Structures are given as C-alpha cells and as structure tokens.
Amino acid sequence: QVQLVESGGGLVQAGGSLRLSCSASGRSFSRYDISWYRQAPGKEREFVARIMWISSSTVYADSVKGRFTISRDNAKNTVYLQMNSLKPEDTAIYYCNTRPGDYWGHGTQVTVSS
C-alpha cells in the first residue's frame, strides 16, 4: 500500500511559477512510475507528466511541454512538478499517481489568475 500526499498548490498570477510535491509513505516508490494528472472544473482528468523509475526518463503532455518539469528524489520518496509560465488554463486540481498499483493522492489546487 502506498499513500500519496500532494502539496504546493496555490493562487498565482499568469506567468508565475509553482512547485508541486508528491510525497509517498507506506512503501518506497523508487520502483514506481509516477505521473501527474489534473482535473479542471467540468472537465475530465487529463495526463500532465510522467517520470519512469527505471531510467528517470520523462513524458509530458503537449500542453505543458517546455513549461513544466517533473523530477524525483527517491531518497525522499518525493516527486516534484516545477510549473513555470503558468496560464489560466492550467487552473485545476493536480493529482499524482503510481504505476503499477494505481494509487492516487487527494490532490492540490492550482489557480492561475489572468
């Protein structure tokens, strides 16, 4: 069992930055791929970024490529999402997720004002 807790969300103006954290407890997640997803009001949850455990290679949604960076610190059981050049359309609840296991956190709210 893995428990995930997201943090770091908040209110920021367009063009600003935030760094989200996904901290795991219950089991080391060094052998999990970790993904960030987001869900805006009235929309379906969508993929944002993923970092693989075996190589730390990364994958990004086209909408965030070049603006967001995902990284991991296995010693701290934490994955980060650095978000730069934020846009109002980035407003959503951001969740982290594991693969395998499909564990989810409760999310952290990101609001970008124009």
C-alpha atoms as a PDB file:
ATOM      1  CA  GLN A   1       0.000   0.000   0.000  1.00  0.00           C
ATOM      2  CA  VAL A   2       1.234   3.478  -0.883  1.00  0.00           C
ATOM      3  CA  GLN A   3      -0.207   6.719   0.462  1.00  0.00           C
ATOM      4  CA  LEU A   4       0.361   9.814  -1.654  1.00  0.00           C
ATOM      5  CA  VAL A   5       0.099  13.415  -0.484  1.00  0.00           C
ATOM      6  CA  GLU A   6       0.280  16.320  -2.903  1.00  0.00           C
ATOM      7  CA  SER A   7       1.257  19.806  -1.779  1.00  0.00           C
ATOM      8  CA  GLY A   8       2.477  23.118  -3.119  1.00  0.00           C
ATOM      9  CA  GLY A   9      -0.628  24.350  -4.874  1.00  0.00           C
ATOM     10  CA  GLY A  10      -1.952  27.859  -4.524  1.00  0.00           C
ATOM     11  CA  LEU A  11      -3.014  31.019  -6.279  1.00  0.00           C
ATOM     12  CA  VAL A  12      -0.570  32.599  -8.729  1.00  0.00           C
ATOM     13  CA  GLN A  13      -0.760  35.194 -11.481  1.00  0.00           C
ATOM     14  CA  ALA A  14      -0.359  34.225 -15.111  1.00  0.00           C
ATOM     15  CA  GLY A  15       3.321  33.912 -15.956  1.00  0.00           C
ATOM     16  CA  GLY A  16       4.210  32.852 -12.447  1.00  0.00           C
ATOM     17  CA  SER A  17       5.607  29.596 -11.099  1.00  0.00           C
ATOM     18  CA  LEU A  18       4.732  26.920  -8.581  1.00  0.00           C
ATOM     19  CA  ARG A  19       6.411  23.708  -7.497  1.00  0.00           C
ATOM     20  CA  LEU A  20       4.188  20.821  -6.554  1.00  0.00           C
ATOM     21  CA  SER A  21       5.354  17.910  -4.420  1.00  0.00           C
ATOM     22  CA  CYS A  22       4.043  14.358  -4.236  1.00  0.00           C
ATOM     23  CA  SER A  23       5.238  12.589  -1.116  1.00  0.00           C
ATOM     24  CA  ALA A  24       4.784   8.873  -0.574  1.00  0.00           C
ATOM     25  CA  SER A  25       4.557   6.849   2.597  1.00  0.00           C
ATOM     26  CA  GLY A  26       3.879   3.237   3.371  1.00  0.00           C
ATOM     27  CA  ARG A  27       6.327   1.848   0.865  1.00  0.00           C
ATOM     28  CA  SER A  28       9.285   3.123  -1.089  1.00  0.00           C
ATOM     29  CA  PHE A  29       8.129   4.180  -4.515  1.00  0.00           C
ATOM     30  CA  SER A  30      11.531   4.065  -6.148  1.00  0.00           C
ATOM     31  CA  ARG A  31      10.286   1.266  -8.415  1.00  0.00           C
ATOM     32  CA  TYR A  32       7.092   3.040  -9.472  1.00  0.00           C
ATOM     33  CA  ASP A  33       6.496   5.245 -12.437  1.00  0.00           C
ATOM     34  CA  ILE A  34       4.938   8.426 -11.059  1.00  0.00           C
ATOM     35  CA  SER A  35       2.555  10.609 -13.020  1.00  0.00           C
ATOM     36  CA  TRP A  36       0.855  13.944 -12.518  1.00  0.00           C
ATOM     37  CA  TYR A  37      -2.708  14.404 -13.718  1.00  0.00           C
ATOM     38  CA  ARG A  38      -5.020  17.371 -13.429  1.00  0.00           C
ATOM     39  CA  GLN A  39      -8.737  17.986 -13.483  1.00  0.00           C
ATOM     40  CA  ALA A  40     -10.298  21.342 -14.216  1.00  0.00           C
ATOM     41  CA  PRO A  41     -13.908  22.148 -13.249  1.00  0.00           C
ATOM     42  CA  GLY A  42     -16.336  20.454 -15.603  1.00  0.00           C
ATOM     43  CA  LYS A  43     -13.581  18.583 -17.439  1.00  0.00           C
ATOM     44  CA  GLU A  44     -12.183  15.085 -17.381  1.00  0.00           C
ATOM     45  CA  ARG A  45      -8.948  14.287 -15.609  1.00  0.00           C
ATOM     46  CA  GLU A  46      -6.018  14.618 -18.009  1.00  0.00           C
ATOM     47  CA  PHE A  47      -2.429  13.455 -18.075  1.00  0.00           C
ATOM     48  CA  VAL A  48       0.247  16.073 -17.389  1.00  0.00           C
ATOM     49  CA  ALA A  49       3.624  14.356 -16.964  1.00  0.00           C
ATOM     50  CA  ARG A  50       5.295  11.064 -16.001  1.00  0.00           C
ATOM     51  CA  ILE A  51       8.705  10.026 -14.737  1.00  0.00           C
ATOM     52  CA  MET A  52       9.836   6.413 -15.044  1.00  0.00           C
ATOM     53  CA  TRP A  53      11.522   4.598 -12.190  1.00  0.00           C
ATOM     54  CA  ILE A  54      13.994   2.578 -14.221  1.00  0.00           C
ATOM     55  CA  SER A  55      15.587   5.415 -16.172  1.00  0.00           C
ATOM     56  CA  SER A  56      14.025   8.605 -14.836  1.00  0.00           C
ATOM     57  CA  SER A  57      13.011   9.343 -18.385  1.00  0.00           C
ATOM     58  CA  THR A  58      10.079  11.722 -18.688  1.00  0.00           C
ATOM     59  CA  VAL A  59       6.955  12.223 -20.765  1.00  0.00           C
ATOM     60  CA  TYR A  60       4.863  15.396 -20.993  1.00  0.00           C
ATOM     61  CA  ALA A  61       1.520  16.399 -22.373  1.00  0.00           C
ATOM     62  CA  ASP A  62       1.893  18.752 -25.331  1.00  0.00           C
ATOM     63  CA  SER A  63       0.051  21.466 -23.422  1.00  0.00           C
ATOM     64  CA  VAL A  64       2.796  21.694 -20.758  1.00  0.00           C
ATOM     65  CA  LYS A  65       5.914  20.721 -22.703  1.00  0.00           C
ATOM     66  CA  GLY A  66       8.646  23.300 -22.257  1.00  0.00           C
ATOM     67  CA  ARG A  67       6.928  24.874 -19.241  1.00  0.00           C
ATOM     68  CA  PHE A  68       6.669  22.036 -16.694  1.00  0.00           C
ATOM     69  CA  THR A  69       9.453  19.782 -15.405  1.00  0.00           C
ATOM     70  CA  ILE A  70       8.932  16.566 -13.472  1.00  0.00           C
ATOM     71  CA  SER A  71      11.697  15.187 -11.259  1.00  0.00           C
ATOM     72  CA  ARG A  72      12.091  12.703  -8.430  1.00  0.00           C
ATOM     73  CA  ASP A  73      14.123  12.259  -5.273  1.00  0.00           C
ATOM     74  CA  ASN A  74      13.866   8.594  -4.342  1.00  0.00           C
ATOM     75  CA  ALA A  75      15.771   9.136  -1.103  1.00  0.00           C
ATOM     76  CA  LYS A  76      12.981  11.488  -0.019  1.00  0.00           C
ATOM     77  CA  ASN A  77      10.188   9.424  -1.593  1.00  0.00           C
ATOM     78  CA  THR A  78       9.086  12.576  -3.367  1.00  0.00           C
ATOM     79  CA  VAL A  79       8.301  13.606  -6.916  1.00  0.00           C
ATOM     80  CA  TYR A  80       8.171  17.248  -7.948  1.00  0.00           C
ATOM     81  CA  LEU A  81       6.415  19.163 -10.684  1.00  0.00           C
ATOM     82  CA  GLN A  82       8.014  22.521 -11.413  1.00  0.00           C
ATOM     83  CA  MET A  83       5.498  24.656 -13.258  1.00  0.00           C
ATOM     84  CA  ASN A  84       6.693  27.820 -14.985  1.00  0.00           C
ATOM     85  CA  SER A  85       4.980  30.330 -17.265  1.00  0.00           C
ATOM     86  CA  LEU A  86       1.634  29.353 -15.828  1.00  0.00           C
ATOM     87  CA  LYS A  87      -1.524  30.124 -17.767  1.00  0.00           C
ATOM     88  CA  PRO A  88      -5.130  30.469 -16.600  1.00  0.00           C
ATOM     89  CA  GLU A  89      -5.896  27.210 -18.426  1.00  0.00           C
ATOM     90  CA  ASP A  90      -3.522  25.419 -16.047  1.00  0.00           C
ATOM     91  CA  THR A  91      -6.063  26.003 -13.272  1.00  0.00           C
ATOM     92  CA  ALA A  92      -7.053  22.585 -11.918  1.00  0.00           C
ATOM     93  CA  ILE A  93      -6.669  20.134  -9.093  1.00  0.00           C
ATOM     94  CA  TYR A  94      -3.381  18.307  -9.584  1.00  0.00           C
ATOM     95  CA  TYR A  95      -3.037  14.666  -8.573  1.00  0.00           C
ATOM     96  CA  CYS A  96      -0.143  12.239  -8.502  1.00  0.00           C
ATOM     97  CA  ASN A  97      -0.488   8.598  -9.410  1.00  0.00           C
ATOM     98  CA  THR A  98       1.633   5.459  -9.329  1.00  0.00           C
ATOM     99  CA  ARG A  99       2.118   2.747 -11.887  1.00  0.00           C
ATOM    100  CA  PRO A 100       1.802  -0.091 -11.026  1.00  0.00           C
ATOM    101  CA  GLY A 101      -0.713  -0.025  -8.220  1.00  0.00           C
ATOM    102  CA  ASP A 102      -2.753   2.928  -9.493  1.00  0.00           C
ATOM    103  CA  TYR A 103      -2.557   4.763  -6.171  1.00  0.00           C
ATOM    104  CA  TRP A 104      -3.864   8.350  -6.077  1.00  0.00           C
ATOM    105  CA  GLY A 105      -3.479  11.260  -3.719  1.00  0.00           C
ATOM    106  CA  HIS A 106      -6.245  13.718  -2.814  1.00  0.00           C
ATOM    107  CA  GLY A 107      -4.874  16.463  -4.993  1.00  0.00           C
ATOM    108  CA  THR A 108      -3.709  20.039  -4.594  1.00  0.00           C
ATOM    109  CA  GLN A 109      -5.489  23.047  -6.073  1.00  0.00           C
ATOM    110  CA  VAL A 110      -3.663  25.289  -8.529  1.00  0.00           C
ATOM    111  CA  THR A 111      -5.363  28.518  -9.544  1.00  0.00           C
ATOM    112  CA  VAL A 112      -3.838  30.851 -12.120  1.00  0.00           C
ATOM    113  CA  SER A 113      -5.360  34.308 -12.403  1.00  0.00           C
ATOM    114  CA  SER A 114      -5.215  36.340 -15.605  1.00  0.00           C
END
